[in-house]
Protein backbone atom coordinates (compact mmCIF):
# COMPACT_ATOMS: atom_id res chain seq x y z
CA MET A 1 7.30 31.16 -67.68
CA THR A 2 5.49 33.65 -65.49
CA HIS A 3 4.47 31.04 -63.02
CA ASP A 4 8.01 30.31 -62.32
CA HIS A 5 8.93 33.90 -61.87
CA THR A 6 6.11 34.33 -59.54
CA ARG A 7 7.53 31.42 -57.43
CA ALA A 8 10.74 32.56 -57.66
CA GLY A 9 9.66 35.87 -55.94
CA GLY A 10 7.55 34.23 -53.32
CA LEU A 11 10.64 32.07 -52.85
CA SER A 12 13.10 35.66 -52.65
CA ALA A 13 10.37 37.11 -50.31
CA MET A 14 9.93 34.33 -47.97
CA ARG A 15 13.99 34.15 -47.75
CA ALA A 16 14.01 38.03 -47.27
CA LEU A 17 11.42 37.77 -44.16
CA PHE A 18 13.37 35.12 -42.89
CA LEU A 19 16.77 37.28 -42.85
CA HIS A 20 14.74 40.09 -41.71
CA LEU A 21 13.80 38.60 -38.53
CA ARG A 22 16.46 35.48 -37.96
CA HIS A 23 17.52 37.99 -35.52
CA ALA A 24 14.50 38.07 -33.10
CA PRO A 25 13.86 33.97 -32.97
CA ALA A 26 11.71 34.27 -29.89
CA LEU A 27 9.43 37.02 -31.94
CA TYR A 28 9.68 35.17 -35.23
CA ASP A 29 9.21 31.70 -33.60
CA ALA A 30 5.90 33.26 -31.73
CA ARG A 31 4.29 34.39 -34.50
CA LEU A 32 4.97 32.07 -36.78
CA ALA A 33 3.31 29.34 -33.98
CA TRP A 34 0.45 31.58 -33.89
CA ARG A 35 -0.20 31.72 -37.44
CA ASN A 36 0.50 27.94 -37.64
CA VAL A 37 -2.36 27.41 -34.94
CA SER A 38 -4.72 29.56 -36.46
CA SER A 39 -4.30 28.29 -39.47
CA ARG A 40 -6.04 24.74 -38.14
CA ALA A 41 -8.70 26.65 -36.62
CA VAL A 42 -11.09 24.01 -35.85
CA GLN A 43 -8.41 21.01 -34.95
CA SER A 44 -6.78 23.97 -32.53
CA PHE A 45 -10.19 25.02 -31.07
CA VAL A 46 -10.82 21.60 -30.45
CA THR A 47 -7.60 20.98 -28.61
CA VAL A 48 -8.18 24.16 -26.49
CA LEU A 49 -11.61 23.03 -25.32
CA VAL A 50 -10.25 19.50 -24.03
CA VAL A 51 -7.41 21.05 -22.46
CA GLY A 52 -9.48 23.54 -20.82
CA ALA A 53 -11.71 21.06 -19.87
CA ALA A 54 -9.48 19.07 -18.09
CA ILE A 55 -7.71 21.92 -16.31
CA GLY A 56 -11.54 23.48 -15.49
CA LEU A 57 -12.29 20.28 -14.11
CA THR A 58 -9.83 20.42 -11.40
CA ILE A 59 -10.26 24.42 -10.56
CA ALA A 60 -14.45 23.56 -10.01
CA VAL A 61 -13.09 20.87 -7.84
CA LEU A 62 -10.88 22.88 -5.66
CA ALA A 63 -13.08 26.42 -5.87
CA LEU A 64 -16.46 24.31 -4.90
CA SER A 65 -14.57 22.11 -2.03
CA ASP A 66 -13.08 25.99 -0.40
CA GLY A 67 -16.42 27.15 -1.04
CA LEU A 68 -18.33 24.63 0.74
CA ARG A 69 -16.11 24.49 3.79
CA ARG A 70 -16.33 27.97 4.34
CA GLY A 71 -19.75 28.23 3.71
CA ILE A 72 -20.87 25.31 6.40
CA VAL A 73 -18.44 27.22 8.85
CA GLN A 74 -19.79 30.51 7.89
CA ALA A 75 -23.44 29.18 8.25
CA SER A 76 -22.27 27.52 12.06
CA ASP A 77 -21.04 30.30 13.33
CA PRO A 78 -23.17 32.15 15.61
CA PHE A 79 -24.93 29.03 17.26
CA GLY A 80 -22.46 29.09 20.26
CA VAL A 81 -20.33 26.12 21.57
CA LEU A 82 -22.02 23.47 22.37
CA VAL A 83 -25.35 21.93 20.69
CA VAL A 84 -27.27 19.74 22.91
CA GLY A 85 -29.67 16.79 21.79
CA PRO A 86 -30.86 13.43 22.08
CA LYS A 87 -28.67 10.76 21.85
CA GLY A 88 -27.74 9.41 18.58
CA SER A 89 -25.71 10.63 15.57
CA ALA A 90 -23.94 13.50 16.83
CA GLN A 91 -23.12 14.64 13.29
CA GLN A 92 -27.02 14.16 12.40
CA LEU A 93 -27.57 16.24 14.97
CA VAL A 94 -25.16 19.13 13.84
CA LEU A 95 -26.55 18.92 10.35
CA SER A 96 -29.74 19.37 11.14
CA THR A 97 -29.81 21.71 13.67
CA LEU A 98 -27.13 24.05 12.01
CA LEU A 99 -27.48 23.74 8.40
CA LEU A 100 -31.09 22.05 8.49
CA GLN A 101 -30.10 19.08 6.54
CA GLY A 102 -31.62 15.84 7.23
CA ALA A 103 -34.46 15.24 10.14
CA PRO A 104 -33.86 15.30 12.94
CA VAL A 105 -32.47 13.10 15.70
CA GLY A 106 -35.43 13.28 17.73
CA ASN A 107 -36.82 15.47 20.84
CA MET A 108 -35.87 15.43 24.54
CA ASP A 109 -37.69 16.30 27.59
CA GLY A 110 -37.70 20.17 28.02
CA HIS A 111 -36.79 20.14 31.42
CA ILE A 112 -33.24 19.64 29.92
CA TRP A 113 -33.83 23.16 28.68
CA ASP A 114 -34.95 24.45 32.36
CA GLU A 115 -32.01 22.90 33.93
CA LEU A 116 -29.08 24.48 31.56
CA ALA A 117 -31.13 27.92 31.43
CA ALA A 118 -30.61 28.02 35.41
CA ASP A 119 -27.07 26.54 35.52
CA PRO A 120 -24.26 29.22 36.49
CA ARG A 121 -22.38 27.78 33.98
CA VAL A 122 -23.96 28.74 30.82
CA ALA A 123 -23.99 31.96 29.32
CA LEU A 124 -27.45 31.17 26.82
CA ALA A 125 -29.37 28.47 26.66
CA ILE A 126 -31.91 28.51 23.34
CA PRO A 127 -34.37 26.12 22.61
CA LEU A 128 -35.38 24.36 19.49
CA ALA A 129 -38.24 22.59 18.45
CA MET A 130 -39.02 21.11 14.94
CA GLY A 131 -41.42 19.01 13.53
CA ASP A 132 -43.36 21.53 10.71
CA ASN A 133 -42.86 23.30 7.85
CA VAL A 134 -44.86 25.60 5.74
CA GLY A 135 -44.21 25.23 1.83
CA GLY A 136 -40.84 23.22 2.34
CA ALA A 137 -39.46 26.03 4.98
CA ARG A 138 -39.10 24.30 8.50
CA ILE A 139 -41.13 25.91 11.20
CA LEU A 140 -38.98 26.65 14.58
CA GLY A 141 -40.04 26.69 17.72
CA THR A 142 -37.99 29.09 19.81
CA THR A 143 -37.74 32.13 22.08
CA THR A 144 -36.71 35.93 21.05
CA ASP A 145 -33.34 34.50 22.74
CA PHE A 146 -32.59 33.10 19.09
CA PHE A 147 -32.37 36.23 17.78
CA ASP A 148 -29.69 37.43 20.12
CA LEU A 149 -27.17 34.54 18.60
CA ARG A 150 -24.03 36.42 17.33
CA PRO A 151 -20.28 34.95 16.26
CA SER A 152 -18.81 36.28 18.90
CA PRO A 153 -19.56 38.79 22.17
CA ASP A 154 -18.29 41.88 19.97
CA SER A 155 -20.44 40.84 16.88
CA PRO A 156 -23.68 42.53 16.35
CA PRO A 157 -26.46 40.03 16.21
CA THR A 158 -26.63 37.92 13.03
CA PHE A 159 -30.44 37.43 12.85
CA GLN A 160 -32.04 40.89 12.74
CA LEU A 161 -35.06 42.68 11.36
CA ALA A 162 -35.56 43.95 8.21
CA GLN A 163 -39.27 44.62 8.62
CA GLY A 164 -42.16 44.24 11.33
CA ARG A 165 -41.16 42.63 14.61
CA LEU A 166 -40.57 39.67 16.83
CA PHE A 167 -43.12 37.38 17.98
CA VAL A 168 -44.83 38.19 21.48
CA GLU A 169 -47.85 35.70 21.22
CA ASP A 170 -48.41 32.35 20.24
CA PHE A 171 -49.44 31.61 16.80
CA GLU A 172 -46.91 34.58 15.44
CA ALA A 173 -44.20 34.00 13.20
CA VAL A 174 -40.89 35.59 11.83
CA LEU A 175 -39.68 34.46 8.09
CA GLY A 176 -36.56 34.59 6.86
CA HIS A 177 -35.63 36.63 4.05
CA ARG A 178 -35.84 33.78 1.34
CA ALA A 179 -38.25 31.66 2.86
CA ALA A 180 -40.97 34.95 2.74
CA ARG A 181 -39.96 35.66 -1.05
CA GLN A 182 -40.23 32.20 -2.04
CA LEU A 183 -43.72 31.51 0.06
CA GLY A 184 -44.80 35.06 -0.91
CA LEU A 185 -45.83 36.12 2.56
CA THR A 186 -45.48 39.88 3.84
CA LEU A 187 -46.56 41.17 6.74
CA GLY A 188 -50.08 40.14 8.62
CA ASP A 189 -50.16 37.47 6.18
CA ARG A 190 -51.58 34.01 7.64
CA PHE A 191 -50.34 30.33 6.68
CA LEU A 192 -51.25 27.01 7.65
CA PRO A 193 -48.32 24.77 8.62
CA GLN A 194 -47.74 21.31 7.28
CA HIS A 195 -46.66 18.41 9.44
CA GLY A 196 -43.17 17.01 8.86
CA VAL A 197 -40.16 19.20 7.90
CA ALA A 198 -40.53 18.66 3.99
CA ARG A 199 -43.59 19.68 2.15
CA GLY A 200 -46.44 17.53 1.98
CA LEU A 201 -49.93 16.90 0.91
CA ALA A 202 -53.13 19.81 1.61
CA SER A 203 -54.61 17.06 4.16
CA ASP A 204 -51.32 17.49 6.27
CA ASP A 205 -52.27 20.66 6.88
CA HIS A 206 -53.15 22.07 10.63
CA ASP A 207 -55.65 24.13 11.30
CA THR A 208 -54.27 26.64 13.52
CA ALA A 209 -53.26 29.84 11.39
CA HIS A 210 -50.48 31.66 11.75
CA THR A 211 -49.65 35.29 11.65
CA VAL A 212 -46.65 37.08 9.57
CA VAL A 213 -45.41 39.64 12.29
CA GLY A 214 -41.70 39.86 10.89
CA ILE A 215 -39.44 39.50 8.16
CA LEU A 216 -35.55 38.94 8.80
CA GLN A 217 -32.63 40.44 6.99
CA PRO A 218 -30.89 37.85 4.47
CA VAL A 219 -28.04 36.01 6.22
CA ALA A 220 -26.82 33.90 3.39
CA GLY A 221 -27.29 30.64 5.39
CA PRO A 222 -29.61 28.12 5.86
CA TYR A 223 -31.89 30.04 8.27
CA ASP A 224 -33.47 32.30 5.49
CA ASN A 225 -35.37 29.32 4.60
CA ALA A 226 -36.82 29.28 8.28
CA VAL A 227 -40.18 29.99 9.70
CA PHE A 228 -39.60 30.95 13.59
CA THR A 229 -42.38 31.48 15.97
CA THR A 230 -42.75 30.59 20.15
CA LEU A 231 -42.40 27.13 21.80
CA GLU A 232 -46.03 26.65 22.77
CA SER A 233 -46.96 27.43 19.45
CA VAL A 234 -45.11 24.47 17.92
CA HIS A 235 -46.32 22.44 21.20
CA ALA A 236 -50.14 23.41 20.81
CA VAL A 237 -50.03 22.38 16.99
CA HIS A 238 -48.97 19.04 17.78
CA ALA A 239 -51.04 18.83 20.51
CA GLY A 240 -53.90 19.68 18.59
CA GLU A 241 -55.35 22.59 20.54
CA GLY A 242 -55.54 26.39 20.07
CA GLN A 243 -53.44 27.52 22.73
CA VAL A 244 -51.04 26.30 25.51
CA GLU A 245 -49.82 27.83 28.78
CA ALA A 246 -46.70 28.56 29.19
CA GLU A 247 -45.99 26.53 32.59
CA GLU A 248 -46.97 23.52 30.17
CA ALA A 249 -45.32 24.34 27.18
CA ASP A 250 -42.11 24.02 29.52
CA GLU A 251 -42.63 20.42 30.04
CA GLU A 252 -43.13 19.78 26.50
CA GLN A 253 -40.12 18.25 24.40
CA VAL A 254 -37.35 20.49 22.45
CA THR A 255 -35.14 19.55 19.51
CA ALA A 256 -32.29 20.68 20.26
CA ILE A 257 -30.50 23.05 22.56
CA PHE A 258 -28.11 25.93 21.64
CA VAL A 259 -25.62 26.61 24.41
CA ARG A 260 -23.22 28.93 25.08
CA PRO A 261 -20.94 28.33 28.20
CA ARG A 262 -19.11 31.08 30.25
CA GLY A 263 -15.95 29.52 29.50
CA PHE A 264 -13.61 26.55 28.01
CA ILE A 265 -13.44 24.87 31.16
CA GLU A 266 -17.43 24.83 31.39
CA ALA A 267 -18.11 23.78 28.30
CA ASN A 268 -15.84 20.62 28.87
CA GLU A 269 -17.56 19.94 32.22
CA LEU A 270 -21.30 20.05 30.83
CA TRP A 271 -19.94 18.10 27.84
CA GLN A 272 -18.75 15.34 30.15
CA GLU A 273 -21.88 15.25 32.12
CA PHE A 274 -24.06 14.70 29.22
CA TYR A 275 -21.72 12.13 28.27
CA ALA A 276 -21.92 10.22 31.48
CA GLY A 277 -25.75 10.91 31.43
CA ASP A 278 -28.23 8.82 29.27
CA GLU A 279 -31.07 11.31 28.75
CA ALA A 280 -29.06 13.68 25.95
CA GLN A 281 -25.55 14.19 24.27
CA ALA A 282 -23.55 17.70 23.88
CA VAL A 283 -21.42 18.01 21.01
CA PHE A 284 -18.97 20.85 19.96
CA PRO A 285 -20.08 21.52 16.16
CA GLY A 286 -16.64 22.32 15.29
CA ARG A 287 -15.38 18.71 16.09
CA GLU A 288 -18.49 17.23 13.79
CA LEU A 289 -17.77 19.88 11.24
CA GLY A 290 -14.32 18.52 10.90
CA ALA A 291 -15.27 14.63 10.40
CA LEU A 292 -17.92 15.87 7.90
CA PHE A 293 -14.64 17.91 6.37
CA ASP A 294 -12.84 15.02 6.19
CA LEU A 295 -15.50 13.38 3.73
CA LEU A 296 -15.15 16.28 1.80
CA GLU A 297 -11.76 15.89 1.14
CA GLN A 298 -12.26 12.43 0.42
CA GLY A 299 -14.64 13.26 -2.34
CA ARG A 300 -12.20 16.31 -3.55
CA ARG A 301 -9.40 13.72 -3.91
CA LEU A 302 -11.71 11.25 -5.73
CA LEU A 303 -12.32 14.12 -8.14
CA ALA A 304 -8.70 14.78 -8.33
CA LEU A 305 -8.84 11.22 -9.53
CA VAL A 306 -10.90 11.96 -12.76
CA GLY A 307 -8.83 15.27 -13.00
CA TYR A 308 -6.01 13.34 -13.48
CA LEU A 309 -7.46 10.93 -16.46
CA ALA A 310 -8.98 13.96 -17.79
CA GLY A 311 -5.39 15.76 -17.83
CA GLY A 312 -3.99 12.73 -19.64
CA MET A 313 -7.00 13.00 -22.29
CA ALA A 314 -5.76 16.60 -22.62
CA VAL A 315 -1.90 15.60 -23.27
CA LEU A 316 -3.09 12.86 -25.61
CA THR A 317 -5.41 15.25 -27.76
CA LEU A 318 -2.91 18.48 -27.81
CA PHE A 319 0.10 15.22 -28.97
CA LEU A 320 -1.88 14.44 -31.78
CA ALA A 321 -3.01 17.70 -33.09
CA ILE A 322 0.85 18.83 -32.95
CA TYR A 323 1.75 15.02 -34.36
CA SER A 324 -0.67 15.75 -37.11
CA GLY A 325 0.07 19.41 -38.10
CA VAL A 326 4.22 18.43 -38.16
CA LEU A 327 3.19 15.25 -40.57
CA ALA A 328 1.10 17.79 -42.83
CA ARG A 329 3.76 20.56 -42.83
CA GLU A 330 6.61 18.25 -43.71
CA GLN A 331 7.32 20.33 -47.18
CA VAL A 332 6.65 23.76 -45.92
CA LEU A 333 9.25 22.67 -42.55
CA ALA A 334 11.75 21.18 -45.41
CA VAL A 335 11.22 25.07 -47.34
CA MET A 336 12.25 26.97 -43.95
CA ARG A 337 15.18 24.34 -43.61
CA SER A 338 16.26 25.29 -47.18
CA LEU A 339 15.76 29.12 -46.82
CA GLY A 340 18.50 28.55 -44.03
CA ALA A 341 16.24 27.56 -40.66
CA SER A 342 18.15 25.61 -38.54
CA ARG A 343 17.01 22.08 -36.91
CA THR A 344 17.26 23.64 -33.69
CA ARG A 345 14.73 26.47 -34.79
CA ILE A 346 12.25 23.88 -36.44
CA PHE A 347 12.33 21.66 -32.76
CA ARG A 348 11.76 25.61 -30.83
CA LEU A 349 8.69 26.19 -33.58
CA VAL A 350 6.62 23.10 -32.94
CA LEU A 351 7.09 23.42 -28.79
CA TRP A 352 5.99 26.87 -29.41
CA GLU A 353 2.86 25.83 -30.89
CA ALA A 354 2.35 23.10 -28.45
CA LEU A 355 3.03 25.65 -25.51
CA LEU A 356 0.70 28.46 -27.44
CA LEU A 357 -1.99 26.03 -27.66
CA ALA A 358 -1.73 24.47 -23.69
CA GLN A 359 -1.85 28.37 -22.52
CA CYS A 360 -4.92 29.13 -24.71
CA GLY A 361 -6.45 26.11 -22.72
CA ALA A 362 -5.50 26.55 -19.61
CA LEU A 363 -7.02 30.36 -19.98
CA VAL A 364 -10.84 28.58 -20.96
CA GLY A 365 -9.97 26.23 -18.33
CA ARG A 366 -9.70 29.75 -16.30
CA LEU A 367 -13.15 30.48 -17.55
CA LEU A 368 -15.11 26.78 -17.63
CA GLY A 369 -13.41 25.96 -13.64
CA TYR A 370 -14.61 29.25 -11.80
CA GLY A 371 -17.94 29.79 -14.01
CA GLY A 372 -18.59 26.02 -13.79
CA ALA A 373 -18.20 26.16 -10.01
CA TRP A 374 -20.21 29.53 -9.45
CA LEU A 375 -23.38 27.60 -11.51
CA ILE A 376 -22.98 24.37 -9.35
CA ALA A 377 -22.39 26.59 -6.38
CA GLY A 378 -25.55 28.86 -6.84
CA GLN A 379 -27.22 25.37 -7.67
CA ILE A 380 -26.80 23.93 -4.54
CA GLY A 381 -27.33 27.14 -2.67
CA SER A 382 -30.90 27.66 -4.05
CA GLN A 383 -31.72 23.85 -2.87
CA ALA A 384 -30.35 23.22 0.38
CA ALA A 385 -29.65 26.89 1.20
CA ILE A 386 -26.11 26.31 2.21
CA PRO A 387 -23.76 29.20 1.23
CA ILE A 388 -20.97 27.81 -0.89
CA PRO A 389 -18.61 31.59 -1.71
CA ILE A 390 -16.85 30.91 -4.67
CA ARG A 391 -13.54 33.11 -4.63
CA TYR A 392 -10.80 33.36 -6.55
CA LEU A 393 -7.66 31.38 -5.47
CA PRO A 394 -4.28 33.11 -6.21
CA GLU A 395 -2.45 29.89 -4.71
CA LEU A 396 -3.54 28.16 -7.64
CA GLU A 397 -1.89 30.32 -9.87
CA PRO A 398 1.43 28.73 -10.00
CA TRP A 399 0.28 25.28 -10.84
CA LEU A 400 -1.63 27.09 -13.65
CA LEU A 401 1.27 28.34 -15.23
CA LEU A 402 3.39 24.95 -14.63
CA LEU A 403 0.40 22.46 -15.43
CA PRO A 404 0.25 23.97 -19.10
CA LEU A 405 4.26 24.19 -19.38
CA LEU A 406 4.02 20.43 -18.41
CA PHE A 407 1.14 19.42 -21.06
CA GLY A 408 3.17 21.33 -23.77
CA LEU A 409 6.14 19.86 -23.11
CA LEU A 410 4.73 15.93 -22.93
CA ALA A 411 2.79 16.47 -26.14
CA GLY A 412 5.50 18.69 -28.10
CA LEU A 413 8.60 16.61 -27.74
CA LEU A 414 8.13 13.72 -29.89
CA PRO A 415 6.54 16.05 -32.99
CA ALA A 416 9.32 18.56 -32.68
CA TRP A 417 11.48 15.51 -32.66
CA GLN A 418 10.17 14.45 -35.93
CA ALA A 419 10.04 18.43 -37.41
CA TYR A 420 13.72 17.91 -36.21
CA ARG A 421 14.83 14.80 -38.08
CA THR A 422 12.97 16.00 -41.16
CA ASP A 423 15.05 15.19 -44.16
CA VAL A 424 14.89 18.32 -46.72
CA VAL A 425 15.87 16.27 -49.77
CA GLN A 426 13.25 13.49 -49.63
CA LYS A 427 10.51 15.75 -48.95
CA LEU A 428 11.45 18.62 -51.49
CA PHE A 429 12.48 16.19 -54.07
CA PRO A 430 10.61 12.89 -53.36
CA ALA A 431 11.60 9.97 -55.60
C-alpha cells in the first residue's frame, strides 16, 4: 500500500513538473536532454571524445597548414628578390639557403659575386659559403652586409646584435640566438668547426679555432640556429690553412648569393642572363616557394580525406550512442507520452541529445585541434628551426557551428524517429 502510494505520488510530481514546463518547451527539452546525456557519463564522454577528435583533426591540419605557409614567408622575407646559385634544383637552392633545409646544390666561382657586386643594376649582393657546422649549427661564411638584410627598404635590419659586435677579422664568429643557447657558447668562447652541414664525429673537427665575438637577437627563423663568420675563414678551413688573404678569397667558391636588384626590370634582366648562361642560375624565391606551397596543399588535401573518414566514424559513434540510449529508455519515453508529451516533443528531445553531444564534441575539438597544432608546430620548429605560428582561425567558426549541427542531425534522425514511433501501451503493459 505504501509502495503504491509512493509510486502514485511520484507520477503526480512528474505530471506537475511536466505541466509547469510545458509552456517553455525549449527550456524543458534542453534540461531533460542534458540530464539524459549526463546520466550516461561514460558513453557520453567517449562519444564527445570521438566527435572532438574528428573535428580537432580538421582544425589541426588547417592551423598547421596556415602556420607553415606564414612561417616560410616570414623566414624568407629578408633575403632579397633573387637568389643566385649553381645550376641544379631551383627549389633545393631556395630551401638550403633561405630555410637552411637540406644539402646545398653545390658551389660556384667567386667571380660571379664580384661581377654582381660591381653591376650597376644590383643594389646589394651578399655571398654565402656553406660547408661546416659546430654541434649541428651550420657555419656560414659571408660579409657584414648580410646584417643589413631587411624585408623592405623602410624596415629595420632583420639580424641585429644582442651582445658583442660583428666579426672584423678571420676566425671570429657571430652566433644566432638559438645556436648560442644550444651550444652553450658566449662571448670570448672558442670552438672547432666540423666538416659537413650536419653534426659529425669528433674526428671530423678542423684544427682552426673560432672565437665568439657576437650573439644575435632572436628572429624566429632558421638563421637563429646559424653561426656566421667571414668568407676567408670558411675558405681557409677548407684549404687547410690558418690564414687566407682577402684577394685570394675572392677567387674562392661561394654557395649562393642574395641579390637585391634596383628594380623589377633589372631583376628580370639578371634572371634572363643567368638563365641563358651555363655557370649559375638565378631564381625568384617567391616562385619556388609557391611550388612548395602547392605540394603542401596536396598534403593538406590528403589529410582532409582522413578527416572525412574520421568525421564518418564520429557520426556513426554518435548514432550508436543516441540509438542505444533510446532503446534503453523506451519505457521512460512511454511514461512521458502517457503524461501528455506529444510525439513531436519526444522526437525533438532525442534530436536535442544528439545536437548537445555534437556541440560538446565541437568544443573539445577546438581544444584538441589548436592544442595539438601548437604542440606539433613546436616540435617541428625545434627540429627544423622553421617558425610555424599557430593562430586562431575565425574563418572556421561558421563551419564549426554548422558541422556539429550536421553531425547531430545525421546521427539523431533515425533514433528520434524510433522514439517518435514508440508504442505506449506495448511498453507500459507488455504482454
